[in-house]
Protein backbone atom coordinates (compact mmCIF):
# COMPACT_ATOMS: atom_id res chain seq x y z
CA MET A 1 -13.18 -5.79 -4.65
CA PRO A 2 -13.03 -6.09 -1.28
CA THR A 3 -11.86 -2.96 0.96
CA GLN A 4 -9.06 -3.82 3.15
CA PRO A 5 -10.64 -4.59 6.32
CA GLU A 6 -13.43 -6.81 4.06
CA ALA A 7 -10.18 -8.28 3.07
CA HIS A 8 -8.66 -8.77 6.69
CA ARG A 9 -12.36 -9.91 7.89
CA LEU A 10 -13.12 -12.93 5.17
CA ILE A 11 -9.02 -13.95 5.57
CA ASP A 12 -9.08 -14.45 9.74
CA ARG A 13 -12.38 -16.09 8.42
CA LEU A 14 -10.93 -18.95 6.22
CA ILE A 15 -7.64 -18.98 8.66
CA ALA A 16 -10.28 -19.88 11.92
CA LEU A 17 -12.01 -22.06 9.78
CA VAL A 18 -8.80 -24.65 8.78
CA ARG A 19 -7.25 -24.23 12.37
CA ALA A 20 -10.35 -26.20 13.43
CA THR A 21 -8.91 -28.89 11.92
CA LYS A 22 -5.82 -29.82 14.05
CA GLY A 23 -2.63 -29.64 12.86
CA ALA A 24 -3.64 -27.38 9.29
CA ASP A 25 -2.01 -24.08 8.68
CA ALA A 26 -2.70 -21.49 6.62
CA ILE A 27 -2.56 -19.40 3.58
CA VAL A 28 -4.94 -17.14 2.12
CA ILE A 29 -4.42 -14.40 -1.00
CA VAL A 30 -7.37 -12.35 -1.71
CA ARG A 31 -6.53 -10.61 -4.79
CA GLY A 32 -9.80 -7.71 -6.55
CA ALA A 33 -9.60 -5.30 -9.54
CA ARG A 34 -12.16 -3.18 -11.47
CA GLU A 35 -11.01 -2.72 -14.64
CA GLY A 36 -11.68 -0.76 -17.99
CA ASN A 37 -10.88 -0.98 -21.30
CA THR A 38 -11.21 0.35 -25.10
CA ARG A 39 -10.07 -0.80 -28.25
CA PHE A 40 -10.07 0.78 -31.10
CA ALA A 41 -9.37 0.18 -34.76
CA VAL A 42 -9.49 2.07 -38.79
CA ASN A 43 -10.50 5.13 -36.98
CA GLU A 44 -13.35 4.13 -34.46
CA ILE A 45 -14.01 2.70 -31.46
CA SER A 46 -14.67 -1.25 -31.77
CA SER A 47 -15.40 -2.12 -28.38
CA SER A 48 -15.80 -1.06 -24.62
CA GLY A 49 -15.60 -3.50 -21.22
CA GLU A 50 -15.28 -2.88 -17.82
CA VAL A 51 -14.79 -6.00 -15.73
CA GLU A 52 -14.54 -6.97 -12.10
CA ARG A 53 -12.22 -9.43 -10.83
CA LEU A 54 -12.22 -11.28 -7.16
CA SER A 55 -9.82 -14.11 -6.41
CA ILE A 56 -9.72 -16.28 -2.94
CA ALA A 57 -7.07 -18.10 -3.03
CA LEU A 58 -6.64 -21.10 0.04
CA THR A 59 -3.42 -22.65 0.69
CA VAL A 60 -4.02 -25.99 3.60
CA GLN A 61 -0.57 -27.37 5.09
CA LEU A 62 -0.70 -30.66 6.30
CA GLY A 63 2.90 -31.51 7.50
CA GLN A 64 4.67 -31.24 4.54
CA ARG A 65 1.76 -31.81 2.29
CA SER A 66 -0.10 -29.35 0.85
CA ALA A 67 -2.74 -28.12 -1.41
CA THR A 68 -4.21 -24.75 -2.96
CA ALA A 69 -7.53 -23.92 -3.99
CA VAL A 70 -9.31 -21.05 -5.64
CA THR A 71 -12.67 -19.56 -5.41
CA ASN A 72 -14.22 -16.23 -7.46
CA GLN A 73 -17.31 -16.39 -4.16
CA GLN A 74 -17.36 -15.01 -1.33
CA ASP A 75 -20.69 -16.30 0.54
CA ASP A 76 -21.24 -18.80 3.30
CA ARG A 77 -21.27 -21.61 1.17
CA SER A 78 -18.13 -21.04 -1.48
CA ILE A 79 -15.78 -20.18 1.94
CA ASP A 80 -16.88 -23.36 3.63
CA GLU A 81 -16.22 -25.37 0.20
CA LEU A 82 -13.56 -23.84 -0.52
CA VAL A 83 -12.33 -24.90 2.65
CA GLY A 84 -13.06 -28.59 2.66
CA ARG A 85 -11.98 -29.02 -0.97
CA THR A 86 -8.74 -27.66 0.17
CA LEU A 87 -8.00 -29.99 3.57
CA ARG A 88 -9.41 -33.42 0.88
CA MET A 89 -6.66 -32.35 -1.91
CA ALA A 90 -4.05 -31.80 1.31
CA ARG A 91 -4.68 -35.18 2.57
CA LEU A 92 -4.32 -36.70 -0.82
CA ALA A 93 -1.20 -34.64 -1.29
CA PRO A 94 2.76 -36.34 -1.46
CA GLU A 95 4.95 -35.04 1.18
CA ASN A 96 7.16 -31.96 -0.12
CA ALA A 97 10.50 -32.50 1.64
CA GLU A 98 10.84 -28.68 0.47
CA GLN A 99 7.91 -27.47 1.75
CA MET A 100 8.14 -24.61 3.70
CA PRO A 101 6.06 -23.17 7.02
CA PRO A 102 3.67 -20.32 6.76
CA LEU A 103 5.52 -17.04 7.23
CA GLY A 104 4.55 -15.11 10.23
CA HIS A 105 4.35 -11.55 11.01
CA GLN A 106 6.43 -9.18 8.81
CA THR A 107 6.71 -5.43 8.36
CA TYR A 108 6.95 -3.82 4.81
CA LEU A 109 7.58 -0.40 3.54
CA ALA A 110 4.41 1.39 2.72
CA VAL A 111 4.76 2.41 -0.83
CA LYS A 112 2.69 5.56 -1.59
CA ASN A 113 0.98 7.15 -4.25
CA ALA A 114 0.69 3.94 -5.76
CA THR A 115 -3.13 4.73 -5.70
CA ASP A 116 -4.12 7.39 -7.97
CA PRO A 117 -7.75 7.94 -6.38
CA ALA A 118 -9.01 9.77 -10.53
CA THR A 119 -7.60 6.96 -11.79
CA ALA A 120 -9.76 4.24 -9.37
CA ARG A 121 -12.65 6.11 -10.12
CA LEU A 122 -12.03 6.06 -14.43
CA THR A 123 -15.30 5.86 -16.49
CA PRO A 124 -15.58 4.86 -20.22
CA ASP A 125 -16.07 8.75 -21.35
CA VAL A 126 -12.33 9.66 -20.35
CA ARG A 127 -11.41 6.51 -22.02
CA ALA A 128 -13.35 8.24 -25.11
CA LYS A 129 -11.62 11.28 -24.97
CA ALA A 130 -8.23 9.82 -25.59
CA VAL A 131 -9.31 7.94 -28.08
CA GLY A 132 -11.00 10.95 -30.18
CA ALA A 133 -7.56 12.49 -28.79
CA ALA A 134 -5.75 10.05 -30.77
CA LEU A 135 -8.21 10.03 -33.84
CA ALA A 136 -7.91 13.25 -34.71
CA ALA A 137 -3.61 13.02 -34.47
CA GLY A 138 -4.10 10.29 -36.97
CA GLU A 139 -6.77 11.95 -39.24
CA ALA A 140 -4.07 15.27 -39.29
CA ALA A 141 -1.46 12.59 -40.41
CA LYS A 142 -3.84 11.30 -43.12
CA VAL A 143 -2.99 7.78 -41.35
CA ALA A 144 -5.15 5.01 -39.79
CA MET A 145 -5.07 4.32 -36.18
CA ALA A 146 -5.37 1.50 -34.07
CA GLY A 147 -5.08 1.38 -30.55
CA PHE A 148 -6.20 0.24 -26.03
CA VAL A 149 -6.72 1.53 -23.64
CA ASN A 150 -7.19 0.18 -20.16
CA HIS A 151 -7.29 0.98 -16.69
CA GLY A 152 -7.28 -0.86 -13.16
CA ASN A 153 -8.05 0.01 -9.62
CA HIS A 154 -6.28 -3.15 -7.79
CA ASN A 155 -5.67 -4.82 -4.47
CA LEU A 156 -3.75 -7.37 -2.54
CA ALA A 157 -4.01 -9.18 0.88
CA ILE A 158 -2.22 -11.97 2.50
CA GLY A 159 -2.46 -14.10 5.71
CA THR A 160 -1.51 -16.52 7.13
CA SER A 161 -1.89 -19.00 10.39
CA GLU A 162 1.05 -17.73 11.39
CA GLY A 163 0.38 -14.34 11.71
CA LEU A 164 1.27 -12.82 8.77
CA TRP A 165 -0.99 -10.01 7.15
CA ALA A 166 -0.32 -8.32 4.25
CA TYR A 167 -2.22 -5.32 1.83
CA HIS A 168 -1.65 -3.22 -0.80
CA SER A 169 -3.60 -1.66 -3.17
CA TRP A 170 -2.33 0.19 -6.23
CA THR A 171 -3.69 2.04 -9.61
CA SER A 172 -2.60 0.91 -13.56
CA CYS A 173 -3.33 2.50 -16.90
CA GLY A 174 -2.32 2.23 -20.10
CA MET A 175 -2.23 3.19 -23.84
CA SER A 176 -0.87 1.69 -26.91
CA CYS A 177 -1.20 3.45 -30.98
CA THR A 178 -0.61 1.62 -33.84
CA ALA A 179 -0.21 4.17 -37.07
CA ARG A 180 -0.62 2.31 -40.69
CA THR A 181 -0.18 4.74 -43.62
CA THR A 182 -2.83 4.61 -46.40
CA ASP A 183 -0.59 2.90 -48.91
CA GLY A 184 0.03 -0.25 -46.33
CA THR A 185 3.72 0.69 -46.61
CA GLY A 186 4.24 2.04 -43.37
CA SER A 187 3.57 1.59 -39.79
CA GLY A 188 4.32 2.92 -36.57
CA TRP A 189 3.71 2.00 -32.57
CA ALA A 190 3.67 4.31 -29.73
CA GLY A 191 3.28 3.20 -25.70
CA ALA A 192 2.78 3.85 -22.19
CA GLY A 193 1.92 3.00 -18.94
CA SER A 194 1.56 4.81 -15.42
CA ASN A 195 -0.55 4.18 -12.29
CA ARG A 196 -1.83 7.77 -13.18
CA MET A 197 -4.14 8.50 -16.28
CA ALA A 198 -3.32 12.58 -15.88
CA ASP A 199 0.25 11.08 -16.75
CA LEU A 200 -0.48 9.56 -20.79
CA ASP A 201 -0.67 12.18 -23.46
CA ALA A 202 -2.69 10.18 -25.90
CA ALA A 203 -2.50 13.21 -28.82
CA ALA A 204 1.19 12.97 -28.25
CA LEU A 205 1.62 9.48 -28.44
CA ALA A 206 -0.66 8.89 -31.78
CA LYS A 207 1.70 11.34 -33.04
CA VAL A 208 4.63 9.77 -32.16
CA ALA A 209 3.12 6.44 -33.83
CA ALA A 210 2.02 8.94 -37.03
CA ALA A 211 5.49 10.04 -37.20
CA LYS A 212 6.54 6.48 -37.51
CA ALA A 213 4.20 5.41 -40.23
CA VAL A 214 5.01 8.32 -42.47
CA GLU A 215 9.23 7.65 -41.69
CA SER A 216 8.64 4.07 -42.30
CA ALA A 217 7.17 4.10 -45.49
CA ARG A 218 8.11 3.03 -49.01
CA PRO A 219 11.47 1.08 -47.40
CA ARG A 220 14.60 0.53 -48.73
CA LYS A 221 15.90 -2.25 -48.76
CA LEU A 222 18.94 -2.54 -45.95
CA ASP A 223 22.05 -5.15 -46.39
CA PRO A 224 23.12 -7.41 -43.39
CA GLY A 225 25.40 -5.96 -41.09
CA ARG A 226 25.76 -4.61 -37.95
CA TYR A 227 24.04 -0.91 -36.89
CA THR A 228 23.88 1.08 -34.05
CA VAL A 229 20.66 1.27 -33.04
CA VAL A 230 18.70 3.36 -29.88
CA LEU A 231 16.14 1.48 -28.56
CA GLU A 232 13.27 2.85 -27.16
CA PRO A 233 11.66 2.35 -23.18
CA ALA A 234 8.99 -0.03 -24.17
CA ALA A 235 11.97 -2.23 -26.22
CA VAL A 236 13.90 -2.29 -23.50
CA GLY A 237 11.56 -2.81 -20.80
CA SER A 238 10.09 -6.00 -23.27
CA LEU A 239 14.33 -7.26 -23.32
CA LEU A 240 14.18 -6.68 -19.52
CA ALA A 241 11.18 -8.81 -18.89
CA PHE A 242 13.77 -11.50 -19.42
CA PHE A 243 16.10 -10.14 -17.49
CA HIS A 244 13.90 -10.81 -14.66
CA ASN A 245 12.66 -14.19 -15.38
CA ALA A 246 17.00 -15.26 -15.22
CA LEU A 247 16.86 -13.61 -11.73
CA ASP A 248 16.79 -16.56 -9.87
CA ALA A 249 18.20 -18.27 -7.12
CA ARG A 250 18.10 -22.30 -7.89
CA ARG A 251 19.40 -21.21 -11.56
CA ALA A 252 22.30 -19.90 -10.26
CA ASP A 253 22.79 -22.32 -6.75
CA GLU A 254 22.25 -25.16 -9.13
CA GLY A 255 24.64 -23.79 -11.57
CA ARG A 256 22.03 -22.76 -14.70
CA SER A 257 22.04 -19.24 -14.94
CA PHE A 258 24.73 -16.53 -15.94
CA PHE A 259 24.42 -15.62 -11.62
CA ALA A 260 26.32 -19.13 -10.86
CA GLY A 261 28.91 -19.86 -9.23
CA LYS A 262 30.58 -17.22 -7.33
CA LYS A 263 29.87 -13.13 -7.81
CA LEU A 264 31.12 -11.55 -4.14
CA GLY A 265 32.73 -8.55 -5.36
CA ASP A 266 32.98 -8.97 -9.13
CA LYS A 267 31.54 -6.46 -11.28
CA LEU A 268 28.06 -7.59 -12.87
CA PHE A 269 27.47 -4.86 -15.31
CA PRO A 270 29.23 -1.79 -17.52
CA GLU A 271 29.70 1.74 -15.65
CA THR A 272 26.59 2.48 -17.47
CA ILE A 273 24.04 0.15 -15.84
CA THR A 274 22.91 0.59 -12.02
CA MET A 275 20.84 -1.57 -11.20
CA ARG A 276 18.47 -0.57 -7.44
CA THR A 277 14.86 -0.90 -6.36
CA ASP A 278 13.31 0.95 -3.69
CA PRO A 279 9.63 1.55 -4.14
CA THR A 280 9.22 4.30 -1.64
CA ASP A 281 11.21 6.52 -4.34
CA ARG A 282 8.86 9.42 -4.44
CA SER A 283 10.72 10.87 -7.78
CA ARG A 284 8.84 8.06 -9.64
CA ARG A 285 5.22 6.75 -9.83
CA PRO A 286 5.31 3.41 -8.66
CA GLY A 287 2.93 1.00 -10.43
CA GLY A 288 2.63 -2.65 -10.32
CA SER A 289 2.32 -4.63 -7.25
CA THR A 290 4.71 -5.35 -4.44
CA ARG A 291 5.11 -8.69 -3.69
CA ALA A 292 5.06 -10.76 0.05
CA CYS A 293 6.48 -13.96 0.86
CA SER A 294 3.91 -16.00 2.19
CA ARG A 295 6.16 -18.84 3.01
CA ARG A 296 9.38 -18.66 5.09
CA CYS A 297 12.30 -17.93 3.09
CA PRO A 298 16.19 -16.11 3.35
CA THR A 299 15.71 -12.72 2.23
CA ALA A 300 18.43 -9.71 1.62
CA GLY A 301 18.52 -6.79 0.45
CA THR A 302 19.52 -5.81 -3.19
CA GLY A 303 22.71 -4.02 -3.22
CA PRO A 304 22.99 -0.91 -4.88
CA GLY A 305 25.08 -0.55 -8.28
CA SER A 306 26.66 -2.91 -10.20
CA ARG A 307 28.48 -4.97 -7.59
CA ALA A 308 27.56 -7.77 -6.00
CA SER A 309 27.03 -7.63 -2.30
CA SER A 310 25.92 -10.89 -0.66
CA PRO A 311 23.74 -14.00 -1.63
CA PRO A 312 20.85 -13.93 -2.81
CA ALA A 313 21.24 -9.73 -3.22
CA ALA A 314 24.18 -11.01 -5.13
CA TRP A 315 21.52 -11.77 -7.98
CA GLY A 316 18.51 -9.74 -6.61
CA ALA A 317 17.67 -12.72 -6.99
CA ALA A 318 14.00 -14.54 -6.36
CA VAL A 319 14.21 -17.61 -3.85
CA ASP A 320 11.99 -21.03 -4.14
CA VAL A 321 11.43 -23.10 -1.64
CA ALA A 322 14.22 -25.88 -1.91
CA VAL A 323 16.82 -22.35 -1.24
CA ALA A 324 15.22 -21.88 1.50
CA VAL A 325 15.27 -25.40 2.88
CA GLU A 326 18.81 -25.36 2.65
CA ALA A 327 19.45 -21.94 3.94
CA VAL A 328 17.23 -23.54 6.91
CA ALA A 329 19.47 -26.54 7.35
CA VAL A 330 22.67 -24.11 7.47
CA GLU A 331 20.93 -21.72 9.78
CA ALA A 332 20.03 -25.11 12.16
CA ALA A 333 23.73 -26.75 11.95
CA ALA A 334 25.15 -23.32 12.63
CA ALA A 335 22.96 -23.29 16.01
CA GLY A 336 23.22 -27.08 16.50
CA ARG A 337 19.69 -27.48 16.07
CA SER A 338 17.94 -30.39 14.04
CA THR A 339 17.14 -29.86 10.91
CA ALA A 340 13.62 -32.73 10.78
CA ALA A 341 10.97 -30.15 10.79
CA PRO A 342 11.56 -26.62 9.66
CA PRO A 343 11.33 -24.03 11.70
CA ARG A 344 8.50 -21.60 12.10
CA ALA A 345 8.76 -18.26 10.87
CA THR A 346 8.98 -15.45 13.93
CA SER A 347 8.65 -11.56 13.84
């Protein structure tokens, strides 16, 4: 897993090799990770593993043509082959009218505390202790316990031939437990995730899973009907994944989503729901990764509360290249410019 200076040198080298070809632009994305996991079933550990990952993705743009190739090797020969292969594919690719030039220099918010040093250094014995605590809780409740413990140390670096450089590192961890009663009629689940292993209480999770299993044993018939239920955070999170995927500006622009049409000033959600995004919020542990746009695209901050503010913030939407091209055309028309070639991004 490359460090920040190593990733910077690697990206600079790839960009220099691509720029040796006249008219070629480059976008480089380097991802690294060290991950560990332990699986347990029927009250014993069944597997344990450590994985180190590296992905170097190079996109070459030749006018309106582009191609992307990926490698997991960073020796001189592999890097030269990556550049040569990507250039050859780009020359053969059809032109794409929606293609945008690479993004130039940007300033991004720093996400503090995204990396937890203790989690980054986690060893298998820490996972084994967590499993031991879960199994002890299952034994006390007289249920069979199974589950999974995982953690990772990740980084992401992005650079372009137009001057973009962005780097982010973070840790992640999670644990899930599934309990089963001895008669096989009751089952319960509990899980949690964080970027700090210290936040996960293995025994507490296992106790919740065991209690659900015991309470659900020997189920009774439930007639069809309308029932009020309270969803756990994990269930809400699973549902919101579908909602997140619907936050797409192109679908809205083409009338294919709930967000289609003019929403300015409209109330989108009930008073009980407020949506906001703030990666710098120290009251919550940051998890996952930040996303830096590698090609020029219109962006806006998300509006507070549940009222639409301004496109694309009205949807909090992801803006794809088709919408970006249209936005550049509108911008150019307002400035009296031709849109034969999309303008370069400026810092």
